[in-house]
Amino acid sequence: KILRVNLTQGSCRSEPLNMAWAAQ
């Protein structure tokens, strides 16, 4: 899991980790 925080919008949302990148 990644937490993406957009300070301009004031938003916080979860998104899945890119597991293909994690493997690399």
PDB file of all heavy atoms in Angstrom:
ATOM      1  N   LYS A   1       0.830  -1.208   0.000  1.00  0.00           N
ATOM      2  CA  LYS A   1       0.000   0.000   0.000  1.00  0.00           C
ATOM      3  C   LYS A   1       0.861   1.253   0.000  1.00  0.00           C
ATOM      4  O   LYS A   1       1.855   1.337   0.718  1.00  0.00           O
ATOM      5  CB  LYS A   1      -0.913   0.023   1.221  1.00  0.00           C
ATOM      6  CG  LYS A   1      -2.126  -0.897   1.144  1.00  0.00           C
ATOM      7  CD  LYS A   1      -2.845  -0.937   2.482  1.00  0.00           C
ATOM      8  CE  LYS A   1      -3.249   0.427   2.961  1.00  0.00           C
ATOM      9  NZ  LYS A   1      -3.881   0.410   4.308  1.00  0.00           N
ATOM     10  N   ILE A   2       0.427   2.232  -0.799  1.00  0.00           N
ATOM     11  CA  ILE A   2       1.030   3.563  -0.830  1.00  0.00           C
ATOM     12  C   ILE A   2      -0.016   4.575  -0.388  1.00  0.00           C
ATOM     13  O   ILE A   2      -1.189   4.472  -0.763  1.00  0.00           O
ATOM     14  CB  ILE A   2       1.497   3.919  -2.254  1.00  0.00           C
ATOM     15  CG1 ILE A   2       2.679   3.062  -2.665  1.00  0.00           C
ATOM     16  CG2 ILE A   2       1.863   5.388  -2.367  1.00  0.00           C
ATOM     17  CD1 ILE A   2       3.081   3.287  -4.111  1.00  0.00           C
ATOM     18  N   LEU A   3       0.418   5.544   0.393  1.00  0.00           N
ATOM     19  CA  LEU A   3      -0.438   6.677   0.729  1.00  0.00           C
ATOM     20  C   LEU A   3      -0.020   7.851  -0.150  1.00  0.00           C
ATOM     21  O   LEU A   3       1.123   8.293  -0.110  1.00  0.00           O
ATOM     22  CB  LEU A   3      -0.279   7.051   2.202  1.00  0.00           C
ATOM     23  CG  LEU A   3      -1.062   8.277   2.677  1.00  0.00           C
ATOM     24  CD1 LEU A   3      -2.567   8.039   2.545  1.00  0.00           C
ATOM     25  CD2 LEU A   3      -0.697   8.615   4.123  1.00  0.00           C
ATOM     26  N   ARG A   4      -0.942   8.316  -0.990  1.00  0.00           N
ATOM     27  CA  ARG A   4      -0.655   9.469  -1.849  1.00  0.00           C
ATOM     28  C   ARG A   4      -1.340  10.702  -1.255  1.00  0.00           C
ATOM     29  O   ARG A   4      -2.567  10.727  -1.075  1.00  0.00           O
ATOM     30  CB  ARG A   4      -1.116   9.221  -3.283  1.00  0.00           C
ATOM     31  CG  ARG A   4      -0.655  10.316  -4.260  1.00  0.00           C
ATOM     32  CD  ARG A   4      -1.012   9.974  -5.698  1.00  0.00           C
ATOM     33  NE  ARG A   4      -0.252   8.833  -6.212  1.00  0.00           N
ATOM     34  CZ  ARG A   4       0.948   8.916  -6.790  1.00  0.00           C
ATOM     35  NH1 ARG A   4       1.517  10.107  -6.919  1.00  0.00           N
ATOM     36  NH2 ARG A   4       1.549   7.829  -7.242  1.00  0.00           N
ATOM     37  N   VAL A   5      -0.538  11.717  -0.968  1.00  0.00           N
ATOM     38  CA  VAL A   5      -1.032  12.936  -0.332  1.00  0.00           C
ATOM     39  C   VAL A   5      -0.855  14.099  -1.294  1.00  0.00           C
ATOM     40  O   VAL A   5       0.270  14.433  -1.681  1.00  0.00           O
ATOM     41  CB  VAL A   5      -0.274  13.216   0.983  1.00  0.00           C
ATOM     42  CG1 VAL A   5      -0.771  14.507   1.618  1.00  0.00           C
ATOM     43  CG2 VAL A   5      -0.421  12.036   1.943  1.00  0.00           C
ATOM     44  N   ASN A   6      -1.957  14.723  -1.681  1.00  0.00           N
ATOM     45  CA  ASN A   6      -1.909  15.892  -2.541  1.00  0.00           C
ATOM     46  C   ASN A   6      -2.173  17.122  -1.679  1.00  0.00           C
ATOM     47  O   ASN A   6      -3.307  17.371  -1.243  1.00  0.00           O
ATOM     48  CB  ASN A   6      -2.950  15.793  -3.667  1.00  0.00           C
ATOM     49  CG  ASN A   6      -2.779  16.899  -4.697  1.00  0.00           C
ATOM     50  OD1 ASN A   6      -2.836  18.074  -4.361  1.00  0.00           O
ATOM     51  ND2 ASN A   6      -2.560  16.511  -5.955  1.00  0.00           N
ATOM     52  N   LEU A   7      -1.139  17.874  -1.429  1.00  0.00           N
ATOM     53  CA  LEU A   7      -1.250  19.027  -0.536  1.00  0.00           C
ATOM     54  C   LEU A   7      -2.052  20.160  -1.158  1.00  0.00           C
ATOM     55  O   LEU A   7      -2.733  20.910  -0.449  1.00  0.00           O
ATOM     56  CB  LEU A   7       0.149  19.525  -0.169  1.00  0.00           C
ATOM     57  CG  LEU A   7       0.999  18.555   0.664  1.00  0.00           C
ATOM     58  CD1 LEU A   7       2.432  19.036   0.731  1.00  0.00           C
ATOM     59  CD2 LEU A   7       0.426  18.398   2.067  1.00  0.00           C
ATOM     60  N   THR A   8      -1.980  20.295  -2.464  1.00  0.00           N
ATOM     61  CA  THR A   8      -2.743  21.343  -3.142  1.00  0.00           C
ATOM     62  C   THR A   8      -4.234  21.112  -2.980  1.00  0.00           C
ATOM     63  O   THR A   8      -5.001  22.047  -2.696  1.00  0.00           O
ATOM     64  CB  THR A   8      -2.380  21.380  -4.643  1.00  0.00           C
ATOM     65  OG1 THR A   8      -0.967  21.547  -4.778  1.00  0.00           O
ATOM     66  CG2 THR A   8      -3.099  22.520  -5.344  1.00  0.00           C
ATOM     67  N   GLN A   9      -4.667  19.872  -3.132  1.00  0.00           N
ATOM     68  CA  GLN A   9      -6.082  19.515  -3.015  1.00  0.00           C
ATOM     69  C   GLN A   9      -6.498  19.206  -1.581  1.00  0.00           C
ATOM     70  O   GLN A   9      -7.692  19.153  -1.281  1.00  0.00           O
ATOM     71  CB  GLN A   9      -6.379  18.299  -3.889  1.00  0.00           C
ATOM     72  CG  GLN A   9      -6.106  18.510  -5.376  1.00  0.00           C
ATOM     73  CD  GLN A   9      -6.236  17.235  -6.191  1.00  0.00           C
ATOM     74  OE1 GLN A   9      -6.532  16.173  -5.638  1.00  0.00           O
ATOM     75  NE2 GLN A   9      -6.000  17.330  -7.493  1.00  0.00           N
ATOM     76  N   GLY A  10      -5.513  18.957  -0.708  1.00  0.00           N
ATOM     77  CA  GLY A  10      -5.819  18.582   0.671  1.00  0.00           C
ATOM     78  C   GLY A  10      -6.341  17.158   0.786  1.00  0.00           C
ATOM     79  O   GLY A  10      -7.109  16.847   1.702  1.00  0.00           O
ATOM     80  N   SER A  11      -5.904  16.273  -0.120  1.00  0.00           N
ATOM     81  CA  SER A  11      -6.457  14.915  -0.152  1.00  0.00           C
ATOM     82  C   SER A  11      -5.426  13.869   0.233  1.00  0.00           C
ATOM     83  O   SER A  11      -4.221  14.038   0.029  1.00  0.00           O
ATOM     84  CB  SER A  11      -6.972  14.599  -1.559  1.00  0.00           C
ATOM     85  OG  SER A  11      -5.905  14.608  -2.504  1.00  0.00           O
ATOM     86  N   CYS A  12      -5.924  12.766   0.787  1.00  0.00           N
ATOM     87  CA  CYS A  12      -5.113  11.601   1.129  1.00  0.00           C
ATOM     88  C   CYS A  12      -5.839  10.364   0.605  1.00  0.00           C
ATOM     89  O   CYS A  12      -7.011  10.150   0.919  1.00  0.00           O
ATOM     90  CB  CYS A  12      -4.937  11.459   2.642  1.00  0.00           C
ATOM     91  SG  CYS A  12      -4.181  12.870   3.477  1.00  0.00           S
ATOM     92  N   ARG A  13      -5.146   9.541  -0.184  1.00  0.00           N
ATOM     93  CA  ARG A  13      -5.805   8.342  -0.693  1.00  0.00           C
ATOM     94  C   ARG A  13      -4.825   7.189  -0.772  1.00  0.00           C
ATOM     95  O   ARG A  13      -3.619   7.366  -0.968  1.00  0.00           O
ATOM     96  CB  ARG A  13      -6.436   8.594  -2.054  1.00  0.00           C
ATOM     97  CG  ARG A  13      -5.490   8.986  -3.170  1.00  0.00           C
ATOM     98  CD  ARG A  13      -6.237   9.233  -4.485  1.00  0.00           C
ATOM     99  NE  ARG A  13      -5.372   9.730  -5.553  1.00  0.00           N
ATOM    100  CZ  ARG A  13      -4.643   8.957  -6.357  1.00  0.00           C
ATOM    101  NH1 ARG A  13      -4.704   7.626  -6.207  1.00  0.00           N
ATOM    102  NH2 ARG A  13      -3.876   9.470  -7.292  1.00  0.00           N
ATOM    103  N   SER A  14      -5.361   6.003  -0.629  1.00  0.00           N
ATOM    104  CA  SER A  14      -4.564   4.782  -0.712  1.00  0.00           C
ATOM    105  C   SER A  14      -4.534   4.275  -2.148  1.00  0.00           C
ATOM    106  O   SER A  14      -5.513   4.411  -2.883  1.00  0.00           O
ATOM    107  CB  SER A  14      -5.178   3.705   0.202  1.00  0.00           C
ATOM    108  OG  SER A  14      -4.541   2.470   0.012  1.00  0.00           O
ATOM    109  N   GLU A  15      -3.393   3.702  -2.525  1.00  0.00           N
ATOM    110  CA  GLU A  15      -3.320   3.036  -3.817  1.00  0.00           C
ATOM    111  C   GLU A  15      -2.395   1.830  -3.696  1.00  0.00           C
ATOM    112  O   GLU A  15      -1.535   1.783  -2.808  1.00  0.00           O
ATOM    113  CB  GLU A  15      -2.840   3.990  -4.904  1.00  0.00           C
ATOM    114  CG  GLU A  15      -1.439   4.523  -4.741  1.00  0.00           C
ATOM    115  CD  GLU A  15      -1.060   5.497  -5.852  1.00  0.00           C
ATOM    116  OE1 GLU A  15      -1.784   6.495  -6.039  1.00  0.00           O
ATOM    117  OE2 GLU A  15      -0.034   5.271  -6.520  1.00  0.00           O
ATOM    118  N   PRO A  16      -2.529   0.845  -4.561  1.00  0.00           N
ATOM    119  CA  PRO A  16      -1.698  -0.354  -4.456  1.00  0.00           C
ATOM    120  C   PRO A  16      -0.255  -0.086  -4.860  1.00  0.00           C
ATOM    121  O   PRO A  16       0.007   0.713  -5.771  1.00  0.00           O
ATOM    122  CB  PRO A  16      -2.370  -1.347  -5.409  1.00  0.00           C
ATOM    123  CG  PRO A  16      -3.119  -0.492  -6.373  1.00  0.00           C
ATOM    124  CD  PRO A  16      -3.561   0.719  -5.613  1.00  0.00           C
ATOM    125  N   LEU A  17       0.663  -0.745  -4.184  1.00  0.00           N
ATOM    126  CA  LEU A  17       2.067  -0.665  -4.553  1.00  0.00           C
ATOM    127  C   LEU A  17       2.277  -1.388  -5.879  1.00  0.00           C
ATOM    128  O   LEU A  17       1.692  -2.441  -6.133  1.00  0.00           O
ATOM    129  CB  LEU A  17       2.918  -1.333  -3.467  1.00  0.00           C
ATOM    130  CG  LEU A  17       4.441  -1.291  -3.648  1.00  0.00           C
ATOM    131  CD1 LEU A  17       4.966   0.130  -3.459  1.00  0.00           C
ATOM    132  CD2 LEU A  17       5.131  -2.226  -2.655  1.00  0.00           C
ATOM    133  N   ASN A  18       3.115  -0.827  -6.719  1.00  0.00           N
ATOM    134  CA  ASN A  18       3.436  -1.461  -7.996  1.00  0.00           C
ATOM    135  C   ASN A  18       4.393  -2.621  -7.720  1.00  0.00           C
ATOM    136  O   ASN A  18       5.607  -2.423  -7.555  1.00  0.00           O
ATOM    137  CB  ASN A  18       4.072  -0.444  -8.948  1.00  0.00           C
ATOM    138  CG  ASN A  18       4.283  -0.993 -10.339  1.00  0.00           C
ATOM    139  OD1 ASN A  18       4.638  -2.151 -10.529  1.00  0.00           O
ATOM    140  ND2 ASN A  18       4.064  -0.139 -11.340  1.00  0.00           N
ATOM    141  N   MET A  19       3.862  -3.840  -7.668  1.00  0.00           N
ATOM    142  CA  MET A  19       4.667  -4.988  -7.288  1.00  0.00           C
ATOM    143  C   MET A  19       5.662  -5.387  -8.374  1.00  0.00           C
ATOM    144  O   MET A  19       6.694  -6.007  -8.079  1.00  0.00           O
ATOM    145  CB  MET A  19       3.774  -6.164  -6.914  1.00  0.00           C
ATOM    146  CG  MET A  19       2.949  -5.934  -5.649  1.00  0.00           C
ATOM    147  SD  MET A  19       3.958  -5.399  -4.225  1.00  0.00           S
ATOM    148  CE  MET A  19       5.056  -6.810  -4.011  1.00  0.00           C
ATOM    149  N   ALA A  20       5.400  -5.048  -9.611  1.00  0.00           N
ATOM    150  CA  ALA A  20       6.393  -5.298 -10.662  1.00  0.00           C
ATOM    151  C   ALA A  20       7.637  -4.445 -10.419  1.00  0.00           C
ATOM    152  O   ALA A  20       8.769  -4.915 -10.605  1.00  0.00           O
ATOM    153  CB  ALA A  20       5.788  -4.997 -12.027  1.00  0.00           C
ATOM    154  N   TRP A  21       7.422  -3.204  -9.991  1.00  0.00           N
ATOM    155  CA  TRP A  21       8.551  -2.348  -9.652  1.00  0.00           C
ATOM    156  C   TRP A  21       9.244  -2.840  -8.385  1.00  0.00           C
ATOM    157  O   TRP A  21      10.469  -2.776  -8.286  1.00  0.00           O
ATOM    158  CB  TRP A  21       8.085  -0.905  -9.462  1.00  0.00           C
ATOM    159  CG  TRP A  21       7.726  -0.225 -10.742  1.00  0.00           C
ATOM    160  CD1 TRP A  21       7.835  -0.724 -12.016  1.00  0.00           C
ATOM    161  CD2 TRP A  21       7.208   1.101 -10.879  1.00  0.00           C
ATOM    162  NE1 TRP A  21       7.412   0.204 -12.931  1.00  0.00           N
ATOM    163  CE2 TRP A  21       7.025   1.337 -12.272  1.00  0.00           C
ATOM    164  CE3 TRP A  21       6.879   2.110  -9.994  1.00  0.00           C
ATOM    165  CZ2 TRP A  21       6.529   2.545 -12.770  1.00  0.00           C
ATOM    166  CZ3 TRP A  21       6.384   3.320 -10.474  1.00  0.00           C
ATOM    167  CH2 TRP A  21       6.210   3.528 -11.847  1.00  0.00           C
ATOM    168  N   ALA A  22       8.475  -3.307  -7.403  1.00  0.00           N
ATOM    169  CA  ALA A  22       9.079  -3.833  -6.174  1.00  0.00           C
ATOM    170  C   ALA A  22      10.003  -5.001  -6.482  1.00  0.00           C
ATOM    171  O   ALA A  22      11.065  -5.155  -5.863  1.00  0.00           O
ATOM    172  CB  ALA A  22       7.991  -4.253  -5.192  1.00  0.00           C
ATOM    173  N   ALA A  23       9.622  -5.833  -7.433  1.00  0.00           N
ATOM    174  CA  ALA A  23      10.453  -6.969  -7.827  1.00  0.00           C
ATOM    175  C   ALA A  23      11.752  -6.525  -8.492  1.00  0.00           C
ATOM    176  O   ALA A  23      12.739  -7.263  -8.498  1.00  0.00           O
ATOM    177  CB  ALA A  23       9.673  -7.894  -8.761  1.00  0.00           C
ATOM    178  N   GLN A  24      11.767  -5.323  -9.033  1.00  0.00           N
ATOM    179  CA  GLN A  24      12.967  -4.795  -9.693  1.00  0.00           C
ATOM    180  C   GLN A  24      13.812  -3.905  -8.781  1.00  0.00           C
ATOM    181  O   GLN A  24      15.035  -3.853  -8.917  1.00  0.00           O
ATOM    182  CB  GLN A  24      12.566  -3.963 -10.904  1.00  0.00           C
ATOM    183  CG  GLN A  24      12.047  -4.748 -12.096  1.00  0.00           C
ATOM    184  CD  GLN A  24      11.787  -3.827 -13.273  1.00  0.00           C
ATOM    185  OE1 GLN A  24      11.000  -2.885 -13.183  1.00  0.00           O
ATOM    186  NE2 GLN A  24      12.470  -4.078 -14.384  1.00  0.00           N
TER     187      GLN A  24
END
